[in-house]
C-alpha cells in the first residue's frame, strides 16, 4: 500500500488546525487504498498550536508532529518536513484552508499517471489586497526575466511531490532558502492543477508586506546574479558619462576659460554618483551577507520534539 504524507507548516494556527483536520479526515477516509500521514511542523508558535496538534494525535495516530526549538520561518520549517516525512509522496499545504484539501484528489490522479511534481496553480488569489497582488505579479515577472530556470508564476507551495523530488530537495541545505525556486531547479516531470484560492478561515496571517518583500529579495538573490550585472552596467554607464563630461569641461576651460560657477550642478552630480555607489554596495552587500550565513555552517533548524 502506497503512503501519502501531508506536510503542514504551522505558526500560531491553533484556531485553523481543527477546521483543517475535519477536511483532511474526509480526504483520507475517501482514499482507503492509501496509507496516510499528516506531518505538522510547529515553527515556534506562541499560542496553543502544539497542544492542539497533540490533542488531535491522541484521537488519530495519523497525525504526527515535529516541534522546532524556535521560530525559524516557513521555508526552514518545510525543510524539516522534507527530512521527516515518510510517504511515497508528499502534499504541502497551509494550515489556514486557503489550500482546499479536495484539490489533492486531482493531484493524486496526476501522480498515479506518472508525474513527479503536481503543482496547484491559482485561478484567483482570494481577498488579497490589490497592491500586494500587483507587487507579487511584478516580482514573478522580474524573476522569470532574470533567472536561467523557469519560475512558475501564480504558483506557491501547494503541490504534490514524489519521493524522488523529496530526496532531491533534502540535498539542498542552504540556510537562505527560496523553496518555490528550488521546486523548479530540481526539474522532474511537472504538471499543473488549477484551483480557486480560498480565504483564511481562522486566525491571522503572519505574512506582512515587509516579510513578503524579504522573501522576494531572497528569491531574486538566491536564483540570479542579475542585480550584480545591473550594478556593473550602471557603473560603466555612469563612468562613461562622467568621462565625457570631464572632457567637455577641459575643452571648455582651454577654449573659453572657466570662471568659478556651477556649484548646484557639481553638488547634484556628486549626490547622484554617491547614490549610485551606495546602491551598488547595497546589492553587493546582499550577496556577501548570504555568503556570511552559509559559511558559518550552522544547522538550518533545530528540533525540540518529534513524534510519529
Protein backbone atom coordinates (compact mmCIF):
# COMPACT_ATOMS: atom_id res chain seq x y z
CA UNK A 1 0.00 0.00 0.00
CA UNK A 2 1.43 3.37 -1.03
CA UNK A 3 1.74 6.03 1.64
CA UNK A 4 0.84 9.71 1.18
CA UNK A 5 2.23 12.31 3.57
CA UNK A 6 0.66 15.73 4.06
CA UNK A 7 3.10 18.39 5.26
CA UNK A 8 1.65 21.37 7.14
CA UNK A 9 3.99 24.13 8.43
CA UNK A 10 2.30 25.79 11.41
CA UNK A 11 2.87 29.11 13.14
CA UNK A 12 0.14 30.29 15.53
CA UNK A 13 -2.57 28.15 13.88
CA UNK A 14 -4.49 26.90 16.92
CA UNK A 15 -7.80 28.17 15.51
CA UNK A 16 -7.27 26.78 11.99
CA UNK A 17 -5.99 23.28 12.75
CA UNK A 18 -9.28 21.71 13.98
CA UNK A 19 -11.07 23.02 10.88
CA UNK A 20 -8.32 21.70 8.62
CA UNK A 21 -8.33 18.33 10.38
CA UNK A 22 -12.04 17.87 9.69
CA UNK A 23 -11.42 18.41 5.98
CA UNK A 24 -8.38 16.15 5.93
CA UNK A 25 -10.33 13.32 7.56
CA UNK A 26 -12.83 13.45 4.68
CA UNK A 27 -9.95 13.32 2.20
CA UNK A 28 -8.13 10.44 3.89
CA UNK A 29 -11.26 8.38 4.52
CA UNK A 30 -12.20 8.67 0.84
CA UNK A 31 -8.89 7.04 -0.19
CA UNK A 32 -8.65 3.90 1.93
CA UNK A 33 -6.35 2.29 -0.65
CA UNK A 34 -3.52 4.55 0.63
CA UNK A 35 -1.82 4.81 3.99
CA UNK A 36 -1.78 8.39 5.29
CA UNK A 37 0.49 10.57 7.39
CA UNK A 38 -0.21 14.20 8.36
CA UNK A 39 3.06 15.77 9.48
CA UNK A 40 2.65 19.15 11.16
CA UNK A 41 5.77 21.24 11.78
CA UNK A 42 5.29 23.60 14.71
CA UNK A 43 7.53 26.54 13.84
CA UNK A 44 7.93 28.04 17.31
CA UNK A 45 4.27 29.02 17.72
CA UNK A 46 3.45 31.35 20.60
CA UNK A 47 -0.14 30.14 21.03
CA UNK A 48 -1.56 26.66 21.74
CA UNK A 49 -0.74 25.23 18.31
CA UNK A 50 1.40 22.39 19.70
CA UNK A 51 -1.21 21.45 22.31
CA UNK A 52 -3.90 21.34 19.62
CA UNK A 53 -1.70 19.07 17.47
CA UNK A 54 -1.08 16.72 20.40
CA UNK A 55 -4.82 16.57 21.14
CA UNK A 56 -5.52 15.67 17.51
CA UNK A 57 -2.86 12.95 17.64
CA UNK A 58 -4.49 11.36 20.70
CA UNK A 59 -7.62 10.64 18.68
CA UNK A 60 -5.93 9.99 15.31
CA UNK A 61 -2.46 8.41 15.11
CA UNK A 62 -2.13 9.55 11.51
CA UNK A 63 -1.33 12.99 12.93
CA UNK A 64 2.41 13.43 13.54
CA UNK A 65 4.43 16.46 14.52
CA UNK A 66 7.87 17.99 14.53
CA UNK A 67 8.30 20.73 17.13
CA UNK A 68 11.10 23.19 16.30
CA UNK A 69 13.03 24.83 19.12
CA UNK A 70 12.04 28.35 17.98
CA UNK A 71 10.56 30.19 15.00
CA UNK A 72 12.90 29.53 12.06
CA UNK A 73 10.49 30.66 9.31
CA UNK A 74 8.24 28.75 6.92
CA UNK A 75 10.99 27.96 4.40
CA UNK A 76 13.12 26.19 7.02
CA UNK A 77 10.10 24.55 8.62
CA UNK A 78 9.32 22.99 5.25
CA UNK A 79 12.86 21.59 5.06
CA UNK A 80 12.26 19.95 8.44
CA UNK A 81 9.15 18.43 6.92
CA UNK A 82 11.11 17.13 3.93
CA UNK A 83 13.52 15.45 6.34
CA UNK A 84 10.83 13.75 8.44
CA UNK A 85 8.02 12.74 6.05
CA UNK A 86 7.91 9.02 5.34
CA UNK A 87 5.44 8.79 2.45
CA UNK A 88 5.94 7.73 -1.15
CA UNK A 89 4.77 11.23 -2.00
CA UNK A 90 4.11 14.42 -0.05
CA UNK A 91 1.47 17.12 -0.32
CA UNK A 92 2.48 20.54 1.05
CA UNK A 93 -0.37 22.77 2.16
CA UNK A 94 -1.05 25.69 4.51
CA UNK A 95 -2.95 25.25 7.75
CA UNK A 96 -5.37 28.14 7.10
CA UNK A 97 -7.51 26.29 4.49
CA UNK A 98 -6.53 28.68 1.71
CA UNK A 99 -5.38 25.47 0.03
CA UNK A 100 -8.59 23.39 -0.23
CA UNK A 101 -7.93 19.69 0.55
CA UNK A 102 -10.30 18.46 -2.18
CA UNK A 103 -7.72 19.56 -4.79
CA UNK A 104 -5.47 16.75 -3.50
CA UNK A 105 -7.78 14.24 -5.22
CA UNK A 106 -6.77 15.57 -8.62
CA UNK A 107 -3.12 15.74 -7.55
CA UNK A 108 -3.15 12.05 -6.65
CA UNK A 109 -4.64 11.19 -10.04
CA UNK A 110 -1.85 13.08 -11.82
CA UNK A 111 0.76 11.42 -9.61
CA UNK A 112 -0.56 7.97 -10.49
CA UNK A 113 -0.28 8.97 -14.17
CA UNK A 114 3.48 9.31 -13.64
CA UNK A 115 4.05 12.98 -12.80
CA UNK A 116 6.61 13.73 -10.09
CA UNK A 117 5.61 17.30 -9.23
CA UNK A 118 1.93 18.22 -9.39
CA UNK A 119 1.66 21.91 -8.53
CA UNK A 120 -1.54 23.82 -7.82
CA UNK A 121 -1.92 26.96 -9.93
CA UNK A 122 -4.20 29.70 -8.64
CA UNK A 123 -7.11 30.81 -10.81
CA UNK A 124 -7.53 33.74 -8.43
CA UNK A 125 -5.77 34.94 -5.27
CA UNK A 126 -8.80 35.30 -3.00
CA UNK A 127 -9.32 38.50 -0.99
CA UNK A 128 -5.76 39.66 -1.46
CA UNK A 129 -5.18 43.44 -1.44
CA UNK A 130 -4.84 44.85 -4.97
CA UNK A 131 -1.44 46.45 -4.33
CA UNK A 132 0.00 43.25 -2.83
CA UNK A 133 -1.28 41.26 -5.80
CA UNK A 134 0.38 43.67 -8.28
CA UNK A 135 3.68 43.54 -6.39
CA UNK A 136 3.53 39.74 -6.41
CA UNK A 137 2.88 39.55 -10.16
CA UNK A 138 5.65 42.10 -10.81
CA UNK A 139 8.07 40.06 -8.71
CA UNK A 140 7.37 36.89 -10.71
CA UNK A 141 7.91 38.80 -13.97
CA UNK A 142 11.31 40.03 -12.75
CA UNK A 143 12.30 36.54 -11.62
CA UNK A 144 11.25 34.96 -14.91
CA UNK A 145 13.23 37.51 -16.92
CA UNK A 146 16.44 37.28 -14.90
CA UNK A 147 16.85 33.59 -13.98
CA UNK A 148 18.09 30.76 -16.18
CA UNK A 149 15.41 28.40 -14.88
CA UNK A 150 11.66 28.76 -15.35
CA UNK A 151 9.99 30.17 -12.22
CA UNK A 152 6.28 29.36 -12.34
CA UNK A 153 4.01 32.41 -11.80
CA UNK A 154 0.93 32.27 -9.56
CA UNK A 155 2.20 29.02 -8.03
CA UNK A 156 3.00 28.62 -4.35
CA UNK A 157 3.95 25.74 -2.08
CA UNK A 158 0.66 23.87 -2.53
CA UNK A 159 1.76 20.80 -4.50
CA UNK A 160 2.34 17.06 -4.50
CA UNK A 161 5.93 15.84 -4.72
CA UNK A 162 7.06 12.31 -5.43
CA UNK A 163 9.63 10.70 -3.13
CA UNK A 164 12.41 11.32 -5.68
CA UNK A 165 11.65 15.06 -5.54
CA UNK A 166 11.68 14.97 -1.73
CA UNK A 167 15.09 13.29 -1.69
CA UNK A 168 16.45 15.90 -4.12
CA UNK A 169 15.12 18.80 -2.04
CA UNK A 170 16.67 17.30 1.11
CA UNK A 171 20.08 17.69 -0.51
CA UNK A 172 19.63 21.47 -0.86
CA UNK A 173 20.73 22.59 2.60
CA UNK A 174 21.34 26.32 2.14
CA UNK A 175 20.18 28.42 5.08
CA UNK A 176 18.86 31.31 2.95
CA UNK A 177 16.03 29.48 1.20
CA UNK A 178 13.54 30.23 -1.54
CA UNK A 179 11.79 26.88 -1.93
CA UNK A 180 9.49 27.96 -4.77
CA UNK A 181 12.57 28.35 -6.92
CA UNK A 182 14.03 25.04 -5.72
CA UNK A 183 10.99 23.14 -6.98
CA UNK A 184 11.80 24.41 -10.47
CA UNK A 185 15.56 23.96 -10.10
CA UNK A 186 15.39 20.21 -9.36
CA UNK A 187 13.42 19.52 -12.54
CA UNK A 188 11.44 16.24 -12.93
CA UNK A 189 8.11 15.78 -14.69
CA UNK A 190 5.71 18.55 -13.72
CA UNK A 191 2.07 19.27 -14.38
CA UNK A 192 -0.49 21.71 -13.04
CA UNK A 193 -3.92 21.52 -11.48
CA UNK A 194 -5.91 24.73 -11.17
CA UNK A 195 -7.79 25.80 -8.07
CA UNK A 196 -9.58 28.75 -6.55
CA UNK A 197 -7.58 30.01 -3.59
CA UNK A 198 -9.83 30.26 -0.55
CA UNK A 199 -9.87 32.92 2.14
CA UNK A 200 -8.27 32.27 5.51
CA UNK A 201 -10.84 30.53 7.71
CA UNK A 202 -9.45 31.43 11.14
CA UNK A 203 -6.59 33.27 12.80
CA UNK A 204 -4.40 35.93 11.21
CA UNK A 205 -1.67 35.66 8.60
CA UNK A 206 1.88 36.12 9.86
CA UNK A 207 2.93 37.40 6.42
CA UNK A 208 3.02 41.19 6.23
CA UNK A 209 4.38 43.41 3.47
CA UNK A 210 7.92 43.53 4.87
CA UNK A 211 8.16 39.75 5.29
CA UNK A 212 6.90 39.24 1.73
CA UNK A 213 9.39 41.83 0.47
CA UNK A 214 12.16 39.99 2.30
CA UNK A 215 11.07 36.72 0.67
CA UNK A 216 11.05 38.41 -2.75
CA UNK A 217 14.61 39.69 -2.24
CA UNK A 218 15.59 36.18 -1.13
CA UNK A 219 14.12 34.74 -4.32
CA UNK A 220 15.97 37.17 -6.56
CA UNK A 221 19.32 36.91 -4.76
CA UNK A 222 19.11 33.11 -4.44
CA UNK A 223 18.45 32.36 -8.09
CA UNK A 224 20.09 35.10 -10.13
CA UNK A 225 23.14 37.38 -10.13
CA UNK A 226 21.31 39.83 -12.40
CA UNK A 227 21.30 42.64 -9.76
CA UNK A 228 25.11 42.49 -9.76
CA UNK A 229 25.09 42.81 -13.53
CA UNK A 230 22.78 45.83 -13.26
CA UNK A 231 25.20 47.45 -10.80
CA UNK A 232 28.07 46.80 -13.22
CA UNK A 233 26.20 48.20 -16.23
CA UNK A 234 25.04 51.29 -14.32
CA UNK A 235 28.60 51.81 -13.05
CA UNK A 236 30.07 51.59 -16.57
CA UNK A 237 27.42 53.91 -17.99
CA UNK A 238 27.88 56.45 -15.18
CA UNK A 239 31.68 56.34 -15.55
CA UNK A 240 31.37 56.88 -19.30
CA UNK A 241 29.08 59.88 -18.79
CA UNK A 242 31.47 61.30 -16.16
CA UNK A 243 34.43 60.84 -18.54
CA UNK A 244 32.61 62.60 -21.39
CA UNK A 245 31.65 65.43 -19.04
CA UNK A 246 35.27 65.72 -17.88
CA UNK A 247 36.48 66.05 -21.50
CA UNK A 248 33.83 68.70 -22.09
CA UNK A 249 34.95 70.68 -19.02
CA UNK A 250 38.64 70.52 -20.05
CA UNK A 251 37.94 71.65 -23.62
CA UNK A 252 35.66 74.43 -22.40
CA UNK A 253 38.31 75.65 -19.95
CA UNK A 254 41.03 75.65 -22.66
CA UNK A 255 38.98 77.42 -25.32
CA UNK A 256 36.78 79.78 -23.34
CA UNK A 257 38.13 79.89 -19.80
CA UNK A 258 36.10 78.64 -16.87
CA UNK A 259 35.08 81.12 -14.16
CA UNK A 260 34.11 79.54 -10.83
CA UNK A 261 30.45 78.65 -11.18
CA UNK A 262 28.08 75.69 -11.37
CA UNK A 263 28.04 74.76 -7.69
CA UNK A 264 24.44 73.39 -7.84
CA UNK A 265 25.39 71.25 -10.85
CA UNK A 266 28.51 69.96 -9.11
CA UNK A 267 26.55 69.11 -5.97
CA UNK A 268 23.88 67.30 -7.98
CA UNK A 269 26.49 65.23 -9.82
CA UNK A 270 28.26 64.29 -6.56
CA UNK A 271 24.98 63.25 -4.92
CA UNK A 272 23.96 61.26 -7.99
CA UNK A 273 27.27 59.41 -8.16
CA UNK A 274 27.19 58.79 -4.40
CA UNK A 275 23.70 57.33 -4.68
CA UNK A 276 24.77 55.00 -7.49
CA UNK A 277 27.75 53.82 -5.44
CA UNK A 278 25.62 53.17 -2.35
CA UNK A 279 23.08 51.25 -4.46
CA UNK A 280 25.84 49.07 -5.90
CA UNK A 281 27.32 48.50 -2.44
CA UNK A 282 23.89 47.55 -1.11
CA UNK A 283 23.40 44.96 -3.86
CA UNK A 284 26.87 43.52 -3.26
CA UNK A 285 26.14 43.50 0.48
CA UNK A 286 23.04 41.35 -0.04
CA UNK A 287 25.15 38.68 -1.70
CA UNK A 288 28.01 38.96 0.80
CA UNK A 289 25.54 38.65 3.67
CA UNK A 290 24.31 35.36 2.28
CA UNK A 291 27.87 34.11 1.84
CA UNK A 292 28.45 35.01 5.52
CA UNK A 293 25.44 32.97 6.67
CA UNK A 294 26.28 29.96 4.51
CA UNK A 295 29.95 29.77 5.57
CA UNK A 296 29.04 29.51 9.27
CA UNK A 297 27.74 26.01 8.60
CA UNK A 298 25.03 26.10 11.26
CA UNK A 299 22.12 23.63 11.03
CA UNK A 300 19.15 25.04 9.16
CA UNK A 301 16.79 24.21 12.04
CA UNK A 302 16.79 22.53 15.46
CA UNK A 303 14.13 20.03 16.54
CA UNK A 304 12.93 20.04 20.14
CA UNK A 305 10.48 17.15 19.87
CA UNK A 306 9.37 14.62 17.26
CA UNK A 307 6.50 12.17 17.47
CA UNK A 308 5.48 9.81 14.68
